[in-house]
Amino acid sequence: MEVGGISILQLIILLVLLLLFILPAAHVLFSSRSHGGAKFGWIIGILLFSWLAYAAFLIITQPVKDAQAANKSNHS
């Protein structure tokens, strides 16, 4: 079955590839790991270098709850 010259399988593959490209950017956009200009920089990096920049984002930035726990232990 074809839709306008594109088979259903091709359409599914295209949607999966699009999701794999969009998912990292969406995670950075809605993440609390970075704010303001840094978030904009991560989005640009991910749009240009996709999963490589996303891996760097996950390694370099720390989850907020871990940072708050570190602050509490430093003040004790």
PDB file of N, CA and C in Angstrom:
ATOM      1  N   MET A   1       0.843  -1.176   0.000  1.00  0.00           N
ATOM      2  CA  MET A   1       0.000   0.000   0.000  1.00  0.00           C
ATOM      3  C   MET A   1       0.892   1.244   0.000  1.00  0.00           C
ATOM      4  N   GLU A   2       0.586   2.186  -0.856  1.00  0.00           N
ATOM      5  CA  GLU A   2       1.389   3.397  -0.952  1.00  0.00           C
ATOM      6  C   GLU A   2       0.524   4.629  -0.755  1.00  0.00           C
ATOM      7  N   VAL A   3       1.123   5.627  -0.153  1.00  0.00           N
ATOM      8  CA  VAL A   3       0.450   6.901   0.060  1.00  0.00           C
ATOM      9  C   VAL A   3       1.229   7.955  -0.698  1.00  0.00           C
ATOM     10  N   GLY A   4       0.723   8.388  -1.843  1.00  0.00           N
ATOM     11  CA  GLY A   4       1.398   9.424  -2.624  1.00  0.00           C
ATOM     12  C   GLY A   4       2.785   9.028  -3.088  1.00  0.00           C
ATOM     13  N   GLY A   5       3.019   7.763  -3.408  1.00  0.00           N
ATOM     14  CA  GLY A   5       4.314   7.304  -3.884  1.00  0.00           C
ATOM     15  C   GLY A   5       5.264   6.873  -2.782  1.00  0.00           C
ATOM     16  N   ILE A   6       4.863   6.997  -1.532  1.00  0.00           N
ATOM     17  CA  ILE A   6       5.698   6.584  -0.404  1.00  0.00           C
ATOM     18  C   ILE A   6       5.025   5.389   0.264  1.00  0.00           C
ATOM     19  N   SER A   7       5.774   4.320   0.437  1.00  0.00           N
ATOM     20  CA  SER A   7       5.193   3.136   1.072  1.00  0.00           C
ATOM     21  C   SER A   7       5.037   3.363   2.576  1.00  0.00           C
ATOM     22  N   ILE A   8       4.203   2.564   3.192  1.00  0.00           N
ATOM     23  CA  ILE A   8       3.973   2.662   4.633  1.00  0.00           C
ATOM     24  C   ILE A   8       5.265   2.384   5.398  1.00  0.00           C
ATOM     25  N   LEU A   9       6.055   1.415   4.938  1.00  0.00           N
ATOM     26  CA  LEU A   9       7.323   1.097   5.593  1.00  0.00           C
ATOM     27  C   LEU A   9       8.277   2.289   5.548  1.00  0.00           C
ATOM     28  N   GLN A  10       8.356   2.956   4.407  1.00  0.00           N
ATOM     29  CA  GLN A  10       9.210   4.140   4.294  1.00  0.00           C
ATOM     30  C   GLN A  10       8.733   5.243   5.233  1.00  0.00           C
ATOM     31  N   LEU A  11       7.429   5.380   5.352  1.00  0.00           N
ATOM     32  CA  LEU A  11       6.862   6.389   6.241  1.00  0.00           C
ATOM     33  C   LEU A  11       7.182   6.083   7.704  1.00  0.00           C
ATOM     34  N   ILE A  12       7.095   4.825   8.088  1.00  0.00           N
ATOM     35  CA  ILE A  12       7.422   4.419   9.459  1.00  0.00           C
ATOM     36  C   ILE A  12       8.899   4.660   9.744  1.00  0.00           C
ATOM     37  N   ILE A  13       9.769   4.292   8.811  1.00  0.00           N
ATOM     38  CA  ILE A  13      11.213   4.513   8.982  1.00  0.00           C
ATOM     39  C   ILE A  13      11.509   6.000   9.110  1.00  0.00           C
ATOM     40  N   LEU A  14      10.868   6.814   8.301  1.00  0.00           N
ATOM     41  CA  LEU A  14      11.065   8.261   8.358  1.00  0.00           C
ATOM     42  C   LEU A  14      10.617   8.825   9.706  1.00  0.00           C
ATOM     43  N   LEU A  15       9.489   8.360  10.217  1.00  0.00           N
ATOM     44  CA  LEU A  15       9.002   8.828  11.514  1.00  0.00           C
ATOM     45  C   LEU A  15       9.929   8.414  12.654  1.00  0.00           C
ATOM     46  N   VAL A  16      10.464   7.194  12.595  1.00  0.00           N
ATOM     47  CA  VAL A  16      11.399   6.728  13.625  1.00  0.00           C
ATOM     48  C   VAL A  16      12.672   7.569  13.597  1.00  0.00           C
ATOM     49  N   LEU A  17      13.204   7.828  12.407  1.00  0.00           N
ATOM     50  CA  LEU A  17      14.412   8.655  12.295  1.00  0.00           C
ATOM     51  C   LEU A  17      14.155  10.075  12.786  1.00  0.00           C
ATOM     52  N   LEU A  18      12.994  10.611  12.479  1.00  0.00           N
ATOM     53  CA  LEU A  18      12.650  11.951  12.946  1.00  0.00           C
ATOM     54  C   LEU A  18      12.558  11.989  14.471  1.00  0.00           C
ATOM     55  N   LEU A  19      11.949  10.968  15.065  1.00  0.00           N
ATOM     56  CA  LEU A  19      11.868  10.893  16.526  1.00  0.00           C
ATOM     57  C   LEU A  19      13.246  10.784  17.162  1.00  0.00           C
ATOM     58  N   LEU A  20      14.134   9.999  16.551  1.00  0.00           N
ATOM     59  CA  LEU A  20      15.488   9.856  17.089  1.00  0.00           C
ATOM     60  C   LEU A  20      16.256  11.168  17.023  1.00  0.00           C
ATOM     61  N   PHE A  21      15.911  12.030  16.073  1.00  0.00           N
ATOM     62  CA  PHE A  21      16.565  13.323  15.951  1.00  0.00           C
ATOM     63  C   PHE A  21      15.956  14.337  16.923  1.00  0.00           C
ATOM     64  N   ILE A  22      14.646  14.268  17.134  1.00  0.00           N
ATOM     65  CA  ILE A  22      13.936  15.248  17.950  1.00  0.00           C
ATOM     66  C   ILE A  22      14.005  14.936  19.444  1.00  0.00           C
ATOM     67  N   LEU A  23      14.060  13.667  19.821  1.00  0.00           N
ATOM     68  CA  LEU A  23      14.014  13.275  21.229  1.00  0.00           C
ATOM     69  C   LEU A  23      15.076  13.945  22.106  1.00  0.00           C
ATOM     70  N   PRO A  24      16.353  13.946  21.723  1.00  0.00           N
ATOM     71  CA  PRO A  24      17.358  14.611  22.580  1.00  0.00           C
ATOM     72  C   PRO A  24      17.082  16.104  22.761  1.00  0.00           C
ATOM     73  N   ALA A  25      16.682  16.780  21.680  1.00  0.00           N
ATOM     74  CA  ALA A  25      16.394  18.211  21.780  1.00  0.00           C
ATOM     75  C   ALA A  25      15.205  18.461  22.703  1.00  0.00           C
ATOM     76  N   ALA A  26      14.197  17.620  22.628  1.00  0.00           N
ATOM     77  CA  ALA A  26      13.030  17.773  23.499  1.00  0.00           C
ATOM     78  C   ALA A  26      13.413  17.548  24.964  1.00  0.00           C
ATOM     79  N   HIS A  27      14.280  16.579  25.220  1.00  0.00           N
ATOM     80  CA  HIS A  27      14.702  16.325  26.606  1.00  0.00           C
ATOM     81  C   HIS A  27      15.457  17.522  27.172  1.00  0.00           C
ATOM     82  N   VAL A  28      16.364  18.090  26.387  1.00  0.00           N
ATOM     83  CA  VAL A  28      17.118  19.262  26.851  1.00  0.00           C
ATOM     84  C   VAL A  28      16.176  20.443  27.055  1.00  0.00           C
ATOM     85  N   LEU A  29      15.234  20.622  26.150  1.00  0.00           N
ATOM     86  CA  LEU A  29      14.312  21.749  26.234  1.00  0.00           C
ATOM     87  C   LEU A  29      13.483  21.712  27.514  1.00  0.00           C
ATOM     88  N   PHE A  30      13.039  20.539  27.918  1.00  0.00           N
ATOM     89  CA  PHE A  30      12.178  20.423  29.094  1.00  0.00           C
ATOM     90  C   PHE A  30      12.929  20.000  30.356  1.00  0.00           C
ATOM     91  N   SER A  31      14.255  19.899  30.277  1.00  0.00           N
ATOM     92  CA  SER A  31      15.059  19.479  31.417  1.00  0.00           C
ATOM     93  C   SER A  31      15.354  20.662  32.336  1.00  0.00           C
ATOM     94  N   SER A  32      15.519  20.369  33.611  1.00  0.00           N
ATOM     95  CA  SER A  32      15.895  21.417  34.566  1.00  0.00           C
ATOM     96  C   SER A  32      17.404  21.409  34.814  1.00  0.00           C
ATOM     97  N   ARG A  33      18.148  20.657  34.025  1.00  0.00           N
ATOM     98  CA  ARG A  33      19.596  20.566  34.211  1.00  0.00           C
ATOM     99  C   ARG A  33      20.323  21.826  33.767  1.00  0.00           C
ATOM    100  N   SER A  34      19.749  22.595  32.856  1.00  0.00           N
ATOM    101  CA  SER A  34      20.387  23.832  32.401  1.00  0.00           C
ATOM    102  C   SER A  34      19.322  24.907  32.246  1.00  0.00           C
ATOM    103  N   HIS A  35      19.762  26.167  32.217  1.00  0.00           N
ATOM    104  CA  HIS A  35      18.826  27.286  32.169  1.00  0.00           C
ATOM    105  C   HIS A  35      19.343  28.356  31.220  1.00  0.00           C
ATOM    106  N   GLY A  36      18.432  29.159  30.693  1.00  0.00           N
ATOM    107  CA  GLY A  36      18.763  30.343  29.917  1.00  0.00           C
ATOM    108  C   GLY A  36      19.633  30.093  28.706  1.00  0.00           C
ATOM    109  N   GLY A  37      20.727  30.848  28.627  1.00  0.00           N
ATOM    110  CA  GLY A  37      21.626  30.767  27.483  1.00  0.00           C
ATOM    111  C   GLY A  37      22.297  29.418  27.345  1.00  0.00           C
ATOM    112  N   ALA A  38      22.560  28.769  28.466  1.00  0.00           N
ATOM    113  CA  ALA A  38      23.182  27.443  28.416  1.00  0.00           C
ATOM    114  C   ALA A  38      22.243  26.444  27.750  1.00  0.00           C
ATOM    115  N   LYS A  39      20.968  26.540  28.063  1.00  0.00           N
ATOM    116  CA  LYS A  39      19.983  25.639  27.453  1.00  0.00           C
ATOM    117  C   LYS A  39      19.933  25.877  25.943  1.00  0.00           C
ATOM    118  N   PHE A  40      19.964  27.151  25.537  1.00  0.00           N
ATOM    119  CA  PHE A  40      19.967  27.485  24.114  1.00  0.00           C
ATOM    120  C   PHE A  40      21.202  26.900  23.425  1.00  0.00           C
ATOM    121  N   GLY A  41      22.353  27.001  24.078  1.00  0.00           N
ATOM    122  CA  GLY A  41      23.584  26.433  23.520  1.00  0.00           C
ATOM    123  C   GLY A  41      23.509  24.926  23.372  1.00  0.00           C
ATOM    124  N   TRP A  42      22.948  24.254  24.380  1.00  0.00           N
ATOM    125  CA  TRP A  42      22.800  22.795  24.291  1.00  0.00           C
ATOM    126  C   TRP A  42      21.856  22.413  23.159  1.00  0.00           C
ATOM    127  N   ILE A  43      20.770  23.170  22.991  1.00  0.00           N
ATOM    128  CA  ILE A  43      19.820  22.877  21.904  1.00  0.00           C
ATOM    129  C   ILE A  43      20.513  23.014  20.553  1.00  0.00           C
ATOM    130  N   ILE A  44      21.276  24.084  20.357  1.00  0.00           N
ATOM    131  CA  ILE A  44      21.999  24.278  19.089  1.00  0.00           C
ATOM    132  C   ILE A  44      22.986  23.135  18.876  1.00  0.00           C
ATOM    133  N   GLY A  45      23.733  22.774  19.919  1.00  0.00           N
ATOM    134  CA  GLY A  45      24.680  21.665  19.804  1.00  0.00           C
ATOM    135  C   GLY A  45      24.002  20.363  19.443  1.00  0.00           C
ATOM    136  N   ILE A  46      22.860  20.102  20.045  1.00  0.00           N
ATOM    137  CA  ILE A  46      22.148  18.854  19.769  1.00  0.00           C
ATOM    138  C   ILE A  46      21.560  18.860  18.367  1.00  0.00           C
ATOM    139  N   LEU A  47      21.066  19.997  17.909  1.00  0.00           N
ATOM    140  CA  LEU A  47      20.533  20.048  16.547  1.00  0.00           C
ATOM    141  C   LEU A  47      21.640  19.858  15.512  1.00  0.00           C
ATOM    142  N   LEU A  48      22.858  20.296  15.841  1.00  0.00           N
ATOM    143  CA  LEU A  48      23.970  20.139  14.899  1.00  0.00           C
ATOM    144  C   LEU A  48      24.648  18.777  15.008  1.00  0.00           C
ATOM    145  N   PHE A  49      24.807  18.273  16.227  1.00  0.00           N
ATOM    146  CA  PHE A  49      25.580  17.045  16.435  1.00  0.00           C
ATOM    147  C   PHE A  49      24.779  15.928  17.090  1.00  0.00           C
ATOM    148  N   SER A  50      23.485  16.102  17.199  1.00  0.00           N
ATOM    149  CA  SER A  50      22.514  15.148  17.722  1.00  0.00           C
ATOM    150  C   SER A  50      22.993  14.343  18.924  1.00  0.00           C
ATOM    151  N   TRP A  51      23.218  13.049  18.773  1.00  0.00           N
ATOM    152  CA  TRP A  51      23.453  12.173  19.918  1.00  0.00           C
ATOM    153  C   TRP A  51      24.803  12.412  20.582  1.00  0.00           C
ATOM    154  N   LEU A  52      25.790  12.915  19.864  1.00  0.00           N
ATOM    155  CA  LEU A  52      27.089  13.215  20.466  1.00  0.00           C
ATOM    156  C   LEU A  52      26.947  14.350  21.488  1.00  0.00           C
ATOM    157  N   ALA A  53      26.273  15.418  21.095  1.00  0.00           N
ATOM    158  CA  ALA A  53      26.061  16.534  22.020  1.00  0.00           C
ATOM    159  C   ALA A  53      25.117  16.137  23.148  1.00  0.00           C
ATOM    160  N   TYR A  54      24.163  15.266  22.858  1.00  0.00           N
ATOM    161  CA  TYR A  54      23.238  14.801  23.901  1.00  0.00           C
ATOM    162  C   TYR A  54      23.990  13.994  24.957  1.00  0.00           C
ATOM    163  N   ALA A  55      24.918  13.147  24.528  1.00  0.00           N
ATOM    164  CA  ALA A  55      25.730  12.380  25.477  1.00  0.00           C
ATOM    165  C   ALA A  55      26.565  13.334  26.335  1.00  0.00           C
ATOM    166  N   ALA A  56      27.142  14.366  25.715  1.00  0.00           N
ATOM    167  CA  ALA A  56      27.913  15.358  26.469  1.00  0.00           C
ATOM    168  C   ALA A  56      27.015  16.088  27.465  1.00  0.00           C
ATOM    169  N   PHE A  57      25.802  16.417  27.057  1.00  0.00           N
ATOM    170  CA  PHE A  57      24.846  17.085  27.951  1.00  0.00           C
ATOM    171  C   PHE A  57      24.568  16.231  29.184  1.00  0.00           C
ATOM    172  N   LEU A  58      24.336  14.946  28.979  1.00  0.00           N
ATOM    173  CA  LEU A  58      24.027  14.060  30.100  1.00  0.00           C
ATOM    174  C   LEU A  58      25.227  13.871  31.022  1.00  0.00           C
ATOM    175  N   ILE A  59      26.439  13.882  30.461  1.00  0.00           N
ATOM    176  CA  ILE A  59      27.642  13.689  31.269  1.00  0.00           C
ATOM    177  C   ILE A  59      28.017  14.967  32.021  1.00  0.00           C
ATOM    178  N   ILE A  60      27.960  16.099  31.342  1.00  0.00           N
ATOM    179  CA  ILE A  60      28.432  17.360  31.920  1.00  0.00           C
ATOM    180  C   ILE A  60      27.440  17.947  32.919  1.00  0.00           C
ATOM    181  N   THR A  61      26.174  17.967  32.564  1.00  0.00           N
ATOM    182  CA  THR A  61      25.184  18.557  33.469  1.00  0.00           C
ATOM    183  C   THR A  61      24.763  17.534  34.509  1.00  0.00           C
ATOM    184  N   GLN A  62      24.458  18.017  35.674  1.00  0.00           N
ATOM    185  CA  GLN A  62      24.038  17.149  36.771  1.00  0.00           C
ATOM    186  C   GLN A  62      22.551  17.349  37.031  1.00  0.00           C
ATOM    187  N   PRO A  63      21.853  16.298  37.405  1.00  0.00           N
ATOM    188  CA  PRO A  63      20.441  16.465  37.782  1.00  0.00           C
ATOM    189  C   PRO A  63      20.313  17.407  38.972  1.00  0.00           C
ATOM    190  N   VAL A  64      19.244  18.146  39.022  1.00  0.00           N
ATOM    191  CA  VAL A  64      19.039  19.158  40.056  1.00  0.00           C
ATOM    192  C   VAL A  64      19.029  18.546  41.449  1.00  0.00           C
ATOM    193  N   LYS A  65      18.387  17.420  41.648  1.00  0.00           N
ATOM    194  CA  LYS A  65      18.290  16.846  42.993  1.00  0.00           C
ATOM    195  C   LYS A  65      19.660  16.452  43.537  1.00  0.00           C
ATOM    196  N   ASP A  66      20.586  16.007  42.685  1.00  0.00           N
ATOM    197  CA  ASP A  66      21.932  15.681  43.142  1.00  0.00           C
ATOM    198  C   ASP A  66      22.687  16.939  43.564  1.00  0.00           C
ATOM    199  N   ALA A  67      22.506  18.026  42.844  1.00  0.00           N
ATOM    200  CA  ALA A  67      23.177  19.278  43.180  1.00  0.00           C
ATOM    201  C   ALA A  67      22.658  19.816  44.506  1.00  0.00           C
ATOM    202  N   GLN A  68      21.356  19.699  44.755  1.00  0.00           N
ATOM    203  CA  GLN A  68      20.790  20.168  46.016  1.00  0.00           C
ATOM    204  C   GLN A  68      21.288  19.322  47.181  1.00  0.00           C
ATOM    205  N   ALA A  69      21.421  18.026  46.979  1.00  0.00           N
ATOM    206  CA  ALA A  69      21.930  17.145  48.033  1.00  0.00           C
ATOM    207  C   ALA A  69      23.382  17.482  48.354  1.00  0.00           C
ATOM    208  N   ALA A  70      24.172  17.823  47.337  1.00  0.00           N
ATOM    209  CA  ALA A  70      25.572  18.195  47.553  1.00  0.00           C
ATOM    210  C   ALA A  70      25.662  19.496  48.348  1.00  0.00           C
ATOM    211  N   ASN A  71      24.781  20.449  48.066  1.00  0.00           N
ATOM    212  CA  ASN A  71      24.776  21.713  48.808  1.00  0.00           C
ATOM    213  C   ASN A  71      24.431  21.489  50.273  1.00  0.00           C
ATOM    214  N   LYS A  72      23.501  20.606  50.544  1.00  0.00           N
ATOM    215  CA  LYS A  72      23.117  20.326  51.931  1.00  0.00           C
ATOM    216  C   LYS A  72      24.256  19.658  52.692  1.00  0.00           C
ATOM    217  N   SER A  73      24.989  18.760  52.044  1.00  0.00           N
ATOM    218  CA  SER A  73      26.084  18.074  52.728  1.00  0.00           C
ATOM    219  C   SER A  73      27.275  19.008  52.951  1.00  0.00           C
ATOM    220  N   ASN A  74      27.461  20.003  52.088  1.00  0.00           N
ATOM    221  CA  ASN A  74      28.550  20.966  52.262  1.00  0.00           C
ATOM    222  C   ASN A  74      28.276  21.922  53.419  1.00  0.00           C
ATOM    223  N   HIS A  75      27.010  22.224  53.678  1.00  0.00           N
ATOM    224  CA  HIS A  75      26.656  23.158  54.741  1.00  0.00           C
ATOM    225  C   HIS A  75      26.621  22.495  56.113  1.00  0.00           C
ATOM    226  N   SER A  76      26.633  21.199  56.164  1.00  0.00           N
ATOM    227  CA  SER A  76      26.555  20.487  57.454  1.00  0.00           C
ATOM    228  C   SER A  76      27.892  20.411  58.134  1.00  0.00           C
TER     229      SER A  76
END
